[in-house]
């Protein structure tokens, strides 16, 4: 899916739907896993519960960030509020790393003093239910990310995708620790889950910094923008193209080279036509185009009034 290639109104609806779905799923999973942990005392179940608690906080932050990111530009924020999304994703990463450290501490205690898991099959049933809920939510979020490119929702999807893997591992840890009579397997898996959570947090940080540092769009997107601009018969060349993305908005700047003999009015009309084509491909984009006479490498230097006199 190309960046911004979807109707803005539909983008807003998809983002809002995904944030509501994530909040609802987080509440359901927390309730189910709390019951499972209290009934079993499993560190592996606790690791999954901690992950869901973090997901709930992250989903709440996403809900606020996505709504703020979709707020139109105003006098104080002329470039919009799109960077609210990567900032929210960074906040999610901090929650993830903090929860993972607490989980590692709890796992270390149970490694020293292993405790058998109680009510194994009840805990397994809750984890299986959690996998089903998580799979449905991830499918919804991936659809939204594919059509909107939302970083905040993408980070949330990464959380819940990890939650599915985590829950599968929890089931394996509970079953194996009971079948083999090795309660140490439970905290070992809890520790591994903590490392997995930290790994996911680092990935989210990298994605967030990509937007916060105004990194260029991918090469295929830049090539597509250049091809659209060059497709106009009066455009001779394109140069000095700059791109970036902030939340739902892409920013595109470029220079068009045209016949230097044409009038300003003609050049302006051609620029409007190119901009219209770009906007059809990128409805959410802010586009700035500068016109240059073909072959002009540097702006002309005009003498000052005093030297010309």
C-alpha atoms as a PDB file:
ATOM      1  CA  UNK A   1       0.000   0.000   0.000  1.00  0.00           C
ATOM      2  CA  UNK A   2       1.505   3.344  -0.999  1.00  0.00           C
ATOM      3  CA  UNK A   3       1.747   6.124   1.549  1.00  0.00           C
ATOM      4  CA  UNK A   4      -1.365   8.246   1.740  1.00  0.00           C
ATOM      5  CA  UNK A   5      -3.113   6.491  -1.172  1.00  0.00           C
ATOM      6  CA  UNK A   6      -6.537   6.363   0.476  1.00  0.00           C
ATOM      7  CA  UNK A   7      -9.373   8.783   1.061  1.00  0.00           C
ATOM      8  CA  UNK A   8      -8.691  10.872   4.223  1.00  0.00           C
ATOM      9  CA  UNK A   9     -12.216  10.330   5.586  1.00  0.00           C
ATOM     10  CA  UNK A  10     -11.852   6.558   5.270  1.00  0.00           C
ATOM     11  CA  UNK A  11      -8.403   6.767   6.854  1.00  0.00           C
ATOM     12  CA  UNK A  12      -9.891   8.508   9.888  1.00  0.00           C
ATOM     13  CA  UNK A  13     -12.650   5.897  10.213  1.00  0.00           C
ATOM     14  CA  UNK A  14     -10.194   2.999   9.988  1.00  0.00           C
ATOM     15  CA  UNK A  15      -7.845   4.498  12.564  1.00  0.00           C
ATOM     16  CA  UNK A  16     -10.676   5.222  14.991  1.00  0.00           C
ATOM     17  CA  UNK A  17     -12.104   1.712  14.579  1.00  0.00           C
ATOM     18  CA  UNK A  18      -8.702   0.139  15.271  1.00  0.00           C
ATOM     19  CA  UNK A  19      -8.166   2.138  18.474  1.00  0.00           C
ATOM     20  CA  UNK A  20     -11.605   1.228  19.845  1.00  0.00           C
ATOM     21  CA  UNK A  21     -11.071  -2.447  18.993  1.00  0.00           C
ATOM     22  CA  UNK A  22      -7.667  -2.483  20.729  1.00  0.00           C
ATOM     23  CA  UNK A  23      -9.083  -0.928  23.916  1.00  0.00           C
ATOM     24  CA  UNK A  24     -11.950  -3.417  24.042  1.00  0.00           C
ATOM     25  CA  UNK A  25      -9.638  -6.397  23.449  1.00  0.00           C
ATOM     26  CA  UNK A  26      -7.186  -5.202  26.123  1.00  0.00           C
ATOM     27  CA  UNK A  27      -9.926  -5.002  28.775  1.00  0.00           C
ATOM     28  CA  UNK A  28     -11.221  -8.496  27.944  1.00  0.00           C
ATOM     29  CA  UNK A  29      -7.729 -10.033  27.954  1.00  0.00           C
ATOM     30  CA  UNK A  30      -6.726  -8.397  31.240  1.00  0.00           C
ATOM     31  CA  UNK A  31      -9.835  -9.737  32.981  1.00  0.00           C
ATOM     32  CA  UNK A  32      -9.298 -13.267  31.645  1.00  0.00           C
ATOM     33  CA  UNK A  33      -5.569 -13.403  32.392  1.00  0.00           C
ATOM     34  CA  UNK A  34      -5.950 -11.953  35.884  1.00  0.00           C
ATOM     35  CA  UNK A  35      -8.338 -14.763  36.735  1.00  0.00           C
ATOM     36  CA  UNK A  36      -5.949 -17.328  35.227  1.00  0.00           C
ATOM     37  CA  UNK A  37      -2.935 -15.978  37.134  1.00  0.00           C
ATOM     38  CA  UNK A  38      -4.741 -15.805  40.475  1.00  0.00           C
ATOM     39  CA  UNK A  39      -5.898 -19.385  39.996  1.00  0.00           C
ATOM     40  CA  UNK A  40      -2.563 -20.820  38.854  1.00  0.00           C
ATOM     41  CA  UNK A  41       0.239 -18.652  40.249  1.00  0.00           C
ATOM     42  CA  UNK A  42       2.124 -19.216  36.969  1.00  0.00           C
ATOM     43  CA  UNK A  43       4.925 -16.788  36.134  1.00  0.00           C
ATOM     44  CA  UNK A  44       4.339 -17.529  32.454  1.00  0.00           C
ATOM     45  CA  UNK A  45       0.693 -16.480  32.814  1.00  0.00           C
ATOM     46  CA  UNK A  46       1.857 -13.423  34.775  1.00  0.00           C
ATOM     47  CA  UNK A  47       4.180 -12.535  31.899  1.00  0.00           C
ATOM     48  CA  UNK A  48       1.230 -12.589  29.529  1.00  0.00           C
ATOM     49  CA  UNK A  49      -0.891 -10.547  31.971  1.00  0.00           C
ATOM     50  CA  UNK A  50       1.867  -7.930  32.279  1.00  0.00           C
ATOM     51  CA  UNK A  51       2.072  -7.756  28.499  1.00  0.00           C
ATOM     52  CA  UNK A  52      -1.692  -7.188  28.290  1.00  0.00           C
ATOM     53  CA  UNK A  53      -1.561  -4.478  30.968  1.00  0.00           C
ATOM     54  CA  UNK A  54       1.090  -2.693  28.922  1.00  0.00           C
ATOM     55  CA  UNK A  55      -1.001  -3.181  25.803  1.00  0.00           C
ATOM     56  CA  UNK A  56      -3.971  -1.561  27.542  1.00  0.00           C
ATOM     57  CA  UNK A  57      -1.938   1.505  28.509  1.00  0.00           C
ATOM     58  CA  UNK A  58      -0.427   1.655  25.035  1.00  0.00           C
ATOM     59  CA  UNK A  59      -3.836   1.295  23.384  1.00  0.00           C
ATOM     60  CA  UNK A  60      -5.221   4.108  25.528  1.00  0.00           C
ATOM     61  CA  UNK A  61      -2.263   6.299  24.544  1.00  0.00           C
ATOM     62  CA  UNK A  62      -2.830   5.342  20.908  1.00  0.00           C
ATOM     63  CA  UNK A  63      -6.482   6.288  21.142  1.00  0.00           C
ATOM     64  CA  UNK A  64      -5.541   9.797  22.281  1.00  0.00           C
ATOM     65  CA  UNK A  65      -2.560  10.098  19.921  1.00  0.00           C
ATOM     66  CA  UNK A  66      -4.450   8.984  16.816  1.00  0.00           C
ATOM     67  CA  UNK A  67      -7.288  11.403  17.546  1.00  0.00           C
ATOM     68  CA  UNK A  68      -4.766  14.216  18.066  1.00  0.00           C
ATOM     69  CA  UNK A  69      -2.784  13.288  14.943  1.00  0.00           C
ATOM     70  CA  UNK A  70      -5.936  13.577  12.832  1.00  0.00           C
ATOM     71  CA  UNK A  71      -6.657  17.096  14.132  1.00  0.00           C
ATOM     72  CA  UNK A  72      -6.344  19.570  11.238  1.00  0.00           C
ATOM     73  CA  UNK A  73      -3.433  22.020  11.158  1.00  0.00           C
ATOM     74  CA  UNK A  74      -4.017  25.185  13.177  1.00  0.00           C
ATOM     75  CA  UNK A  75      -2.279  28.498  13.837  1.00  0.00           C
ATOM     76  CA  UNK A  76       0.116  26.976  16.376  1.00  0.00           C
ATOM     77  CA  UNK A  77       0.809  23.808  14.366  1.00  0.00           C
ATOM     78  CA  UNK A  78       0.901  24.762  10.696  1.00  0.00           C
ATOM     79  CA  UNK A  79       2.260  21.348   9.694  1.00  0.00           C
ATOM     80  CA  UNK A  80      -0.469  19.471  11.555  1.00  0.00           C
ATOM     81  CA  UNK A  81      -0.258  17.156  14.562  1.00  0.00           C
ATOM     82  CA  UNK A  82       0.969  13.974  12.882  1.00  0.00           C
ATOM     83  CA  UNK A  83       4.014  13.517  15.114  1.00  0.00           C
ATOM     84  CA  UNK A  84       1.697  12.698  18.013  1.00  0.00           C
ATOM     85  CA  UNK A  85       1.716   9.127  16.667  1.00  0.00           C
ATOM     86  CA  UNK A  86       5.475   8.423  16.860  1.00  0.00           C
ATOM     87  CA  UNK A  87       5.594  10.182  20.241  1.00  0.00           C
ATOM     88  CA  UNK A  88       2.874   7.820  21.489  1.00  0.00           C
ATOM     89  CA  UNK A  89       4.830   4.893  20.089  1.00  0.00           C
ATOM     90  CA  UNK A  90       7.908   6.007  22.058  1.00  0.00           C
ATOM     91  CA  UNK A  91       5.780   6.153  25.203  1.00  0.00           C
ATOM     92  CA  UNK A  92       4.627   2.595  24.478  1.00  0.00           C
ATOM     93  CA  UNK A  93       8.243   1.505  24.246  1.00  0.00           C
ATOM     94  CA  UNK A  94       8.998   2.941  27.687  1.00  0.00           C
ATOM     95  CA  UNK A  95       6.050   1.036  29.177  1.00  0.00           C
ATOM     96  CA  UNK A  96       7.165  -2.137  27.438  1.00  0.00           C
ATOM     97  CA  UNK A  97      10.745  -1.973  28.697  1.00  0.00           C
ATOM     98  CA  UNK A  98       9.650  -1.146  32.262  1.00  0.00           C
ATOM     99  CA  UNK A  99       7.194  -4.035  32.368  1.00  0.00           C
ATOM    100  CA  UNK A 100       9.776  -6.417  30.900  1.00  0.00           C
ATOM    101  CA  UNK A 101      12.287  -5.525  33.626  1.00  0.00           C
ATOM    102  CA  UNK A 102       9.684  -6.192  36.335  1.00  0.00           C
ATOM    103  CA  UNK A 103       8.851  -9.499  34.667  1.00  0.00           C
ATOM    104  CA  UNK A 104      12.524 -10.508  34.571  1.00  0.00           C
ATOM    105  CA  UNK A 105      12.805  -9.748  38.302  1.00  0.00           C
ATOM    106  CA  UNK A 106       9.756 -11.916  39.070  1.00  0.00           C
ATOM    107  CA  UNK A 107      11.106 -14.733  36.894  1.00  0.00           C
ATOM    108  CA  UNK A 108      14.476 -14.589  38.677  1.00  0.00           C
ATOM    109  CA  UNK A 109      12.746 -15.057  42.045  1.00  0.00           C
ATOM    110  CA  UNK A 110      10.875 -18.128  40.792  1.00  0.00           C
ATOM    111  CA  UNK A 111      14.042 -19.547  39.269  1.00  0.00           C
ATOM    112  CA  UNK A 112      15.620 -19.453  42.725  1.00  0.00           C
ATOM    113  CA  UNK A 113      12.461 -20.728  44.459  1.00  0.00           C
ATOM    114  CA  UNK A 114      10.418 -22.675  41.863  1.00  0.00           C
ATOM    115  CA  UNK A 115       6.667 -22.976  42.580  1.00  0.00           C
ATOM    116  CA  UNK A 116       4.427 -25.613  40.909  1.00  0.00           C
ATOM    117  CA  UNK A 117       1.659 -24.315  38.647  1.00  0.00           C
ATOM    118  CA  UNK A 118      -1.897 -24.874  39.948  1.00  0.00           C
ATOM    119  CA  UNK A 119      -5.075 -25.331  37.883  1.00  0.00           C
ATOM    120  CA  UNK A 120      -3.057 -25.955  34.747  1.00  0.00           C
ATOM    121  CA  UNK A 121      -5.900 -26.699  32.360  1.00  0.00           C
ATOM    122  CA  UNK A 122      -7.940 -23.690  33.426  1.00  0.00           C
ATOM    123  CA  UNK A 123      -4.920 -21.497  32.703  1.00  0.00           C
ATOM    124  CA  UNK A 124      -4.426 -23.217  29.326  1.00  0.00           C
ATOM    125  CA  UNK A 125      -8.075 -22.544  28.446  1.00  0.00           C
ATOM    126  CA  UNK A 126      -7.712 -18.840  29.246  1.00  0.00           C
ATOM    127  CA  UNK A 127      -4.557 -18.616  27.143  1.00  0.00           C
ATOM    128  CA  UNK A 128      -6.302 -20.304  24.209  1.00  0.00           C
ATOM    129  CA  UNK A 129      -9.134 -17.766  24.502  1.00  0.00           C
ATOM    130  CA  UNK A 130      -6.556 -14.961  24.576  1.00  0.00           C
ATOM    131  CA  UNK A 131      -4.956 -16.276  21.375  1.00  0.00           C
ATOM    132  CA  UNK A 132      -8.320 -16.214  19.598  1.00  0.00           C
ATOM    133  CA  UNK A 133      -9.059 -12.629  20.714  1.00  0.00           C
ATOM    134  CA  UNK A 134      -5.549 -11.475  19.816  1.00  0.00           C
ATOM    135  CA  UNK A 135      -5.664 -13.080  16.369  1.00  0.00           C
ATOM    136  CA  UNK A 136      -8.908 -11.294  15.539  1.00  0.00           C
ATOM    137  CA  UNK A 137      -7.538  -7.944  16.687  1.00  0.00           C
ATOM    138  CA  UNK A 138      -4.229  -8.371  14.815  1.00  0.00           C
ATOM    139  CA  UNK A 139      -6.118  -9.147  11.597  1.00  0.00           C
ATOM    140  CA  UNK A 140      -8.117  -5.935  12.041  1.00  0.00           C
ATOM    141  CA  UNK A 141      -5.032  -3.843  12.842  1.00  0.00           C
ATOM    142  CA  UNK A 142      -3.015  -5.205   9.919  1.00  0.00           C
ATOM    143  CA  UNK A 143      -5.837  -4.258   7.586  1.00  0.00           C
ATOM    144  CA  UNK A 144      -5.835  -0.719   8.993  1.00  0.00           C
ATOM    145  CA  UNK A 145      -2.033  -0.355   8.837  1.00  0.00           C
ATOM    146  CA  UNK A 146      -1.997  -1.645   5.248  1.00  0.00           C
ATOM    147  CA  UNK A 147      -4.483   1.045   4.220  1.00  0.00           C
ATOM    148  CA  UNK A 148      -3.315   3.968   6.398  1.00  0.00           C
ATOM    149  CA  UNK A 149       0.370   3.458   7.231  1.00  0.00           C
ATOM    150  CA  UNK A 150      -0.351   4.451  10.855  1.00  0.00           C
ATOM    151  CA  UNK A 151       2.788   4.055  12.991  1.00  0.00           C
ATOM    152  CA  UNK A 152       0.891   4.094  16.299  1.00  0.00           C
ATOM    153  CA  UNK A 153      -1.510   1.361  15.202  1.00  0.00           C
ATOM    154  CA  UNK A 154       1.409  -0.540  13.672  1.00  0.00           C
ATOM    155  CA  UNK A 155       3.181  -0.439  17.049  1.00  0.00           C
ATOM    156  CA  UNK A 156      -0.003  -1.657  18.741  1.00  0.00           C
ATOM    157  CA  UNK A 157      -0.293  -4.478  16.200  1.00  0.00           C
ATOM    158  CA  UNK A 158       3.280  -5.477  17.014  1.00  0.00           C
ATOM    159  CA  UNK A 159       2.312  -5.678  20.693  1.00  0.00           C
ATOM    160  CA  UNK A 160      -0.647  -7.944  20.077  1.00  0.00           C
ATOM    161  CA  UNK A 161       1.199 -10.090  17.543  1.00  0.00           C
ATOM    162  CA  UNK A 162       3.850 -10.639  20.218  1.00  0.00           C
ATOM    163  CA  UNK A 163       1.062 -11.395  22.679  1.00  0.00           C
ATOM    164  CA  UNK A 164      -0.113 -14.273  20.482  1.00  0.00           C
ATOM    165  CA  UNK A 165       3.398 -15.757  20.379  1.00  0.00           C
ATOM    166  CA  UNK A 166       3.684 -15.193  24.119  1.00  0.00           C
ATOM    167  CA  UNK A 167       0.405 -16.996  24.829  1.00  0.00           C
ATOM    168  CA  UNK A 168       1.408 -19.990  22.700  1.00  0.00           C
ATOM    169  CA  UNK A 169       4.619 -20.179  24.714  1.00  0.00           C
ATOM    170  CA  UNK A 170       2.700 -19.860  27.993  1.00  0.00           C
ATOM    171  CA  UNK A 171       0.591 -22.893  27.065  1.00  0.00           C
ATOM    172  CA  UNK A 172       3.723 -24.856  26.190  1.00  0.00           C
ATOM    173  CA  UNK A 173       5.435 -23.837  29.448  1.00  0.00           C
ATOM    174  CA  UNK A 174       2.437 -24.796  31.608  1.00  0.00           C
ATOM    175  CA  UNK A 175       1.875 -28.146  29.907  1.00  0.00           C
ATOM    176  CA  UNK A 176       5.556 -29.118  29.853  1.00  0.00           C
ATOM    177  CA  UNK A 177       6.257 -28.040  33.443  1.00  0.00           C
ATOM    178  CA  UNK A 178       3.364 -30.210  34.649  1.00  0.00           C
ATOM    179  CA  UNK A 179       4.027 -33.175  32.357  1.00  0.00           C
ATOM    180  CA  UNK A 180       7.766 -33.304  33.034  1.00  0.00           C
ATOM    181  CA  UNK A 181       7.563 -32.309  36.686  1.00  0.00           C
ATOM    182  CA  UNK A 182       9.917 -29.363  36.090  1.00  0.00           C
ATOM    183  CA  UNK A 183       8.372 -26.191  37.587  1.00  0.00           C
ATOM    184  CA  UNK A 184      11.528 -24.298  36.626  1.00  0.00           C
ATOM    185  CA  UNK A 185      10.326 -24.267  33.002  1.00  0.00           C
ATOM    186  CA  UNK A 186       7.613 -21.760  33.936  1.00  0.00           C
ATOM    187  CA  UNK A 187       9.933 -18.940  35.145  1.00  0.00           C
ATOM    188  CA  UNK A 188      12.398 -19.744  32.357  1.00  0.00           C
ATOM    189  CA  UNK A 189       9.720 -19.008  29.813  1.00  0.00           C
ATOM    190  CA  UNK A 190       8.706 -15.899  31.755  1.00  0.00           C
ATOM    191  CA  UNK A 191      12.282 -14.612  31.467  1.00  0.00           C
ATOM    192  CA  UNK A 192      12.367 -15.396  27.746  1.00  0.00           C
ATOM    193  CA  UNK A 193       9.108 -13.475  27.351  1.00  0.00           C
ATOM    194  CA  UNK A 194      10.693 -10.475  29.071  1.00  0.00           C
ATOM    195  CA  UNK A 195      13.544 -10.499  26.545  1.00  0.00           C
ATOM    196  CA  UNK A 196      10.990 -10.791  23.706  1.00  0.00           C
ATOM    197  CA  UNK A 197       9.113  -7.737  25.006  1.00  0.00           C
ATOM    198  CA  UNK A 198      12.314  -5.662  25.144  1.00  0.00           C
ATOM    199  CA  UNK A 199      13.148  -6.707  21.564  1.00  0.00           C
ATOM    200  CA  UNK A 200       9.717  -5.522  20.403  1.00  0.00           C
ATOM    201  CA  UNK A 201      10.167  -2.222  22.243  1.00  0.00           C
ATOM    202  CA  UNK A 202      13.479  -1.567  20.468  1.00  0.00           C
ATOM    203  CA  UNK A 203      11.798  -2.142  17.083  1.00  0.00           C
ATOM    204  CA  UNK A 204       9.085   0.373  17.953  1.00  0.00           C
ATOM    205  CA  UNK A 205      11.697   2.939  19.025  1.00  0.00           C
ATOM    206  CA  UNK A 206      13.443   2.606  15.667  1.00  0.00           C
ATOM    207  CA  UNK A 207      10.189   3.060  13.750  1.00  0.00           C
ATOM    208  CA  UNK A 208       9.285   6.105  15.833  1.00  0.00           C
ATOM    209  CA  UNK A 209      12.642   7.780  15.356  1.00  0.00           C
ATOM    210  CA  UNK A 210      12.281   7.306  11.601  1.00  0.00           C
ATOM    211  CA  UNK A 211       9.345   9.720  11.616  1.00  0.00           C
ATOM    212  CA  UNK A 212      10.561  12.051  14.353  1.00  0.00           C
ATOM    213  CA  UNK A 213      13.865  12.545  12.509  1.00  0.00           C
ATOM    214  CA  UNK A 214      12.009  13.331   9.233  1.00  0.00           C
ATOM    215  CA  UNK A 215      13.472  10.435   7.310  1.00  0.00           C
ATOM    216  CA  UNK A 216      12.763  10.360   3.571  1.00  0.00           C
ATOM    217  CA  UNK A 217       9.987   8.171   2.183  1.00  0.00           C
ATOM    218  CA  UNK A 218      11.093   4.759   0.827  1.00  0.00           C
ATOM    219  CA  UNK A 219      12.875   4.781  -2.544  1.00  0.00           C
ATOM    220  CA  UNK A 220       9.915   3.192  -4.329  1.00  0.00           C
ATOM    221  CA  UNK A 221       7.628   5.977  -3.108  1.00  0.00           C
ATOM    222  CA  UNK A 222      10.109   8.663  -4.181  1.00  0.00           C
ATOM    223  CA  UNK A 223      10.419   7.005  -7.579  1.00  0.00           C
ATOM    224  CA  UNK A 224       6.641   6.979  -7.938  1.00  0.00           C
ATOM    225  CA  UNK A 225       6.404  10.691  -7.048  1.00  0.00           C
ATOM    226  CA  UNK A 226       9.133  11.530  -9.552  1.00  0.00           C
ATOM    227  CA  UNK A 227       7.424   9.460 -12.266  1.00  0.00           C
ATOM    228  CA  UNK A 228       4.088  11.225 -11.707  1.00  0.00           C
ATOM    229  CA  UNK A 229       5.737  14.641 -11.948  1.00  0.00           C
ATOM    230  CA  UNK A 230       7.752  13.701 -15.057  1.00  0.00           C
ATOM    231  CA  UNK A 231       4.667  12.290 -16.789  1.00  0.00           C
ATOM    232  CA  UNK A 232       3.410  15.784 -17.659  1.00  0.00           C
ATOM    233  CA  UNK A 233       4.498  16.556 -21.250  1.00  0.00           C
ATOM    234  CA  UNK A 234       5.690  20.080 -20.349  1.00  0.00           C
ATOM    235  CA  UNK A 235       7.907  18.943 -17.445  1.00  0.00           C
ATOM    236  CA  UNK A 236      11.502  18.463 -18.594  1.00  0.00           C
ATOM    237  CA  UNK A 237      13.042  17.323 -15.316  1.00  0.00           C
ATOM    238  CA  UNK A 238      12.500  17.061 -11.564  1.00  0.00           C
ATOM    239  CA  UNK A 239      15.106  17.879  -8.946  1.00  0.00           C
ATOM    240  CA  UNK A 240      15.589  18.841  -5.267  1.00  0.00           C
ATOM    241  CA  UNK A 241      12.821  16.498  -4.156  1.00  0.00           C
ATOM    242  CA  UNK A 242      12.312  16.252  -0.411  1.00  0.00           C
ATOM    243  CA  UNK A 243       9.835  14.018   1.391  1.00  0.00           C
ATOM    244  CA  UNK A 244       8.888  13.044   4.914  1.00  0.00           C
ATOM    245  CA  UNK A 245       5.922  11.661   6.793  1.00  0.00           C
ATOM    246  CA  UNK A 246       4.307  12.613  10.099  1.00  0.00           C
ATOM    247  CA  UNK A 247       1.457  10.401  11.246  1.00  0.00           C
ATOM    248  CA  UNK A 248      -1.224  10.380   8.545  1.00  0.00           C
ATOM    249  CA  UNK A 249       0.359  13.183   6.495  1.00  0.00           C
ATOM    250  CA  UNK A 250       3.088  12.940   3.854  1.00  0.00           C
ATOM    251  CA  UNK A 251       5.044  16.077   2.948  1.00  0.00           C
ATOM    252  CA  UNK A 252       6.351  16.389  -0.615  1.00  0.00           C
ATOM    253  CA  UNK A 253       8.527  19.199  -1.989  1.00  0.00           C
ATOM    254  CA  UNK A 254      10.118  19.282  -5.429  1.00  0.00           C
ATOM    255  CA  UNK A 255      11.314  21.544  -8.257  1.00  0.00           C
ATOM    256  CA  UNK A 256       9.940  21.220 -11.784  1.00  0.00           C
ATOM    257  CA  UNK A 257      12.100  22.200 -14.756  1.00  0.00           C
ATOM    258  CA  UNK A 258      10.129  23.664 -17.672  1.00  0.00           C
ATOM    259  CA  UNK A 259      10.780  25.690 -20.803  1.00  0.00           C
ATOM    260  CA  UNK A 260      12.201  29.026 -19.674  1.00  0.00           C
ATOM    261  CA  UNK A 261      10.417  30.844 -22.499  1.00  0.00           C
ATOM    262  CA  UNK A 262       6.912  30.097 -21.215  1.00  0.00           C
ATOM    263  CA  UNK A 263       5.014  32.699 -19.206  1.00  0.00           C
ATOM    264  CA  UNK A 264       4.596  32.570 -15.446  1.00  0.00           C
ATOM    265  CA  UNK A 265       0.886  31.950 -15.981  1.00  0.00           C
ATOM    266  CA  UNK A 266       1.627  28.897 -18.146  1.00  0.00           C
ATOM    267  CA  UNK A 267       4.166  27.541 -15.649  1.00  0.00           C
ATOM    268  CA  UNK A 268       1.665  28.029 -12.831  1.00  0.00           C
ATOM    269  CA  UNK A 269      -1.041  26.124 -14.733  1.00  0.00           C
ATOM    270  CA  UNK A 270       1.328  23.206 -15.400  1.00  0.00           C
ATOM    271  CA  UNK A 271       2.332  23.131 -11.735  1.00  0.00           C
ATOM    272  CA  UNK A 272      -1.325  22.961 -10.704  1.00  0.00           C
ATOM    273  CA  UNK A 273      -1.850  20.003 -13.046  1.00  0.00           C
ATOM    274  CA  UNK A 274       1.154  18.143 -11.634  1.00  0.00           C
ATOM    275  CA  UNK A 275       0.015  18.861  -8.078  1.00  0.00           C
ATOM    276  CA  UNK A 276      -3.465  17.540  -8.895  1.00  0.00           C
ATOM    277  CA  UNK A 277      -1.971  14.272 -10.187  1.00  0.00           C
ATOM    278  CA  UNK A 278       0.189  13.902  -7.065  1.00  0.00           C
ATOM    279  CA  UNK A 279      -2.785  14.612  -4.823  1.00  0.00           C
ATOM    280  CA  UNK A 280      -4.790  11.882  -6.539  1.00  0.00           C
ATOM    281  CA  UNK A 281      -2.058   9.426  -5.597  1.00  0.00           C
ATOM    282  CA  UNK A 282      -1.434  10.948  -2.147  1.00  0.00           C
ATOM    283  CA  UNK A 283      -4.686  12.481  -0.826  1.00  0.00           C
ATOM    284  CA  UNK A 284      -3.196  13.111   2.627  1.00  0.00           C
ATOM    285  CA  UNK A 285      -0.078  14.879   1.346  1.00  0.00           C
ATOM    286  CA  UNK A 286       1.050  18.476   1.764  1.00  0.00           C
ATOM    287  CA  UNK A 287       2.652  19.367  -1.590  1.00  0.00           C
ATOM    288  CA  UNK A 288       4.928  22.303  -2.413  1.00  0.00           C
ATOM    289  CA  UNK A 289       6.258  22.730  -5.984  1.00  0.00           C
ATOM    290  CA  UNK A 290       8.773  25.293  -7.229  1.00  0.00           C
ATOM    291  CA  UNK A 291       9.136  26.116 -10.952  1.00  0.00           C
ATOM    292  CA  UNK A 292      12.599  26.431 -12.549  1.00  0.00           C
ATOM    293  CA  UNK A 293      13.656  27.253 -16.127  1.00  0.00           C
ATOM    294  CA  UNK A 294      15.166  24.104 -17.662  1.00  0.00           C
ATOM    295  CA  UNK A 295      18.938  23.846 -17.391  1.00  0.00           C
ATOM    296  CA  UNK A 296      19.289  26.466 -14.659  1.00  0.00           C
ATOM    297  CA  UNK A 297      21.664  24.939 -12.114  1.00  0.00           C
ATOM    298  CA  UNK A 298      21.778  27.830  -9.634  1.00  0.00           C
ATOM    299  CA  UNK A 299      19.401  30.737  -9.004  1.00  0.00           C
ATOM    300  CA  UNK A 300      20.540  33.840 -10.909  1.00  0.00           C
ATOM    301  CA  UNK A 301      22.479  36.451  -8.921  1.00  0.00           C
ATOM    302  CA  UNK A 302      21.199  39.942  -9.629  1.00  0.00           C
ATOM    303  CA  UNK A 303      23.386  43.005  -8.960  1.00  0.00           C
ATOM    304  CA  UNK A 304      22.338  45.299  -6.132  1.00  0.00           C
ATOM    305  CA  UNK A 305      20.883  48.687  -6.920  1.00  0.00           C
ATOM    306  CA  UNK A 306      24.083  50.474  -5.867  1.00  0.00           C
ATOM    307  CA  UNK A 307      26.397  48.362  -8.050  1.00  0.00           C
ATOM    308  CA  UNK A 308      24.014  48.533 -10.991  1.00  0.00           C
ATOM    309  CA  UNK A 309      23.800  52.299 -10.787  1.00  0.00           C
END
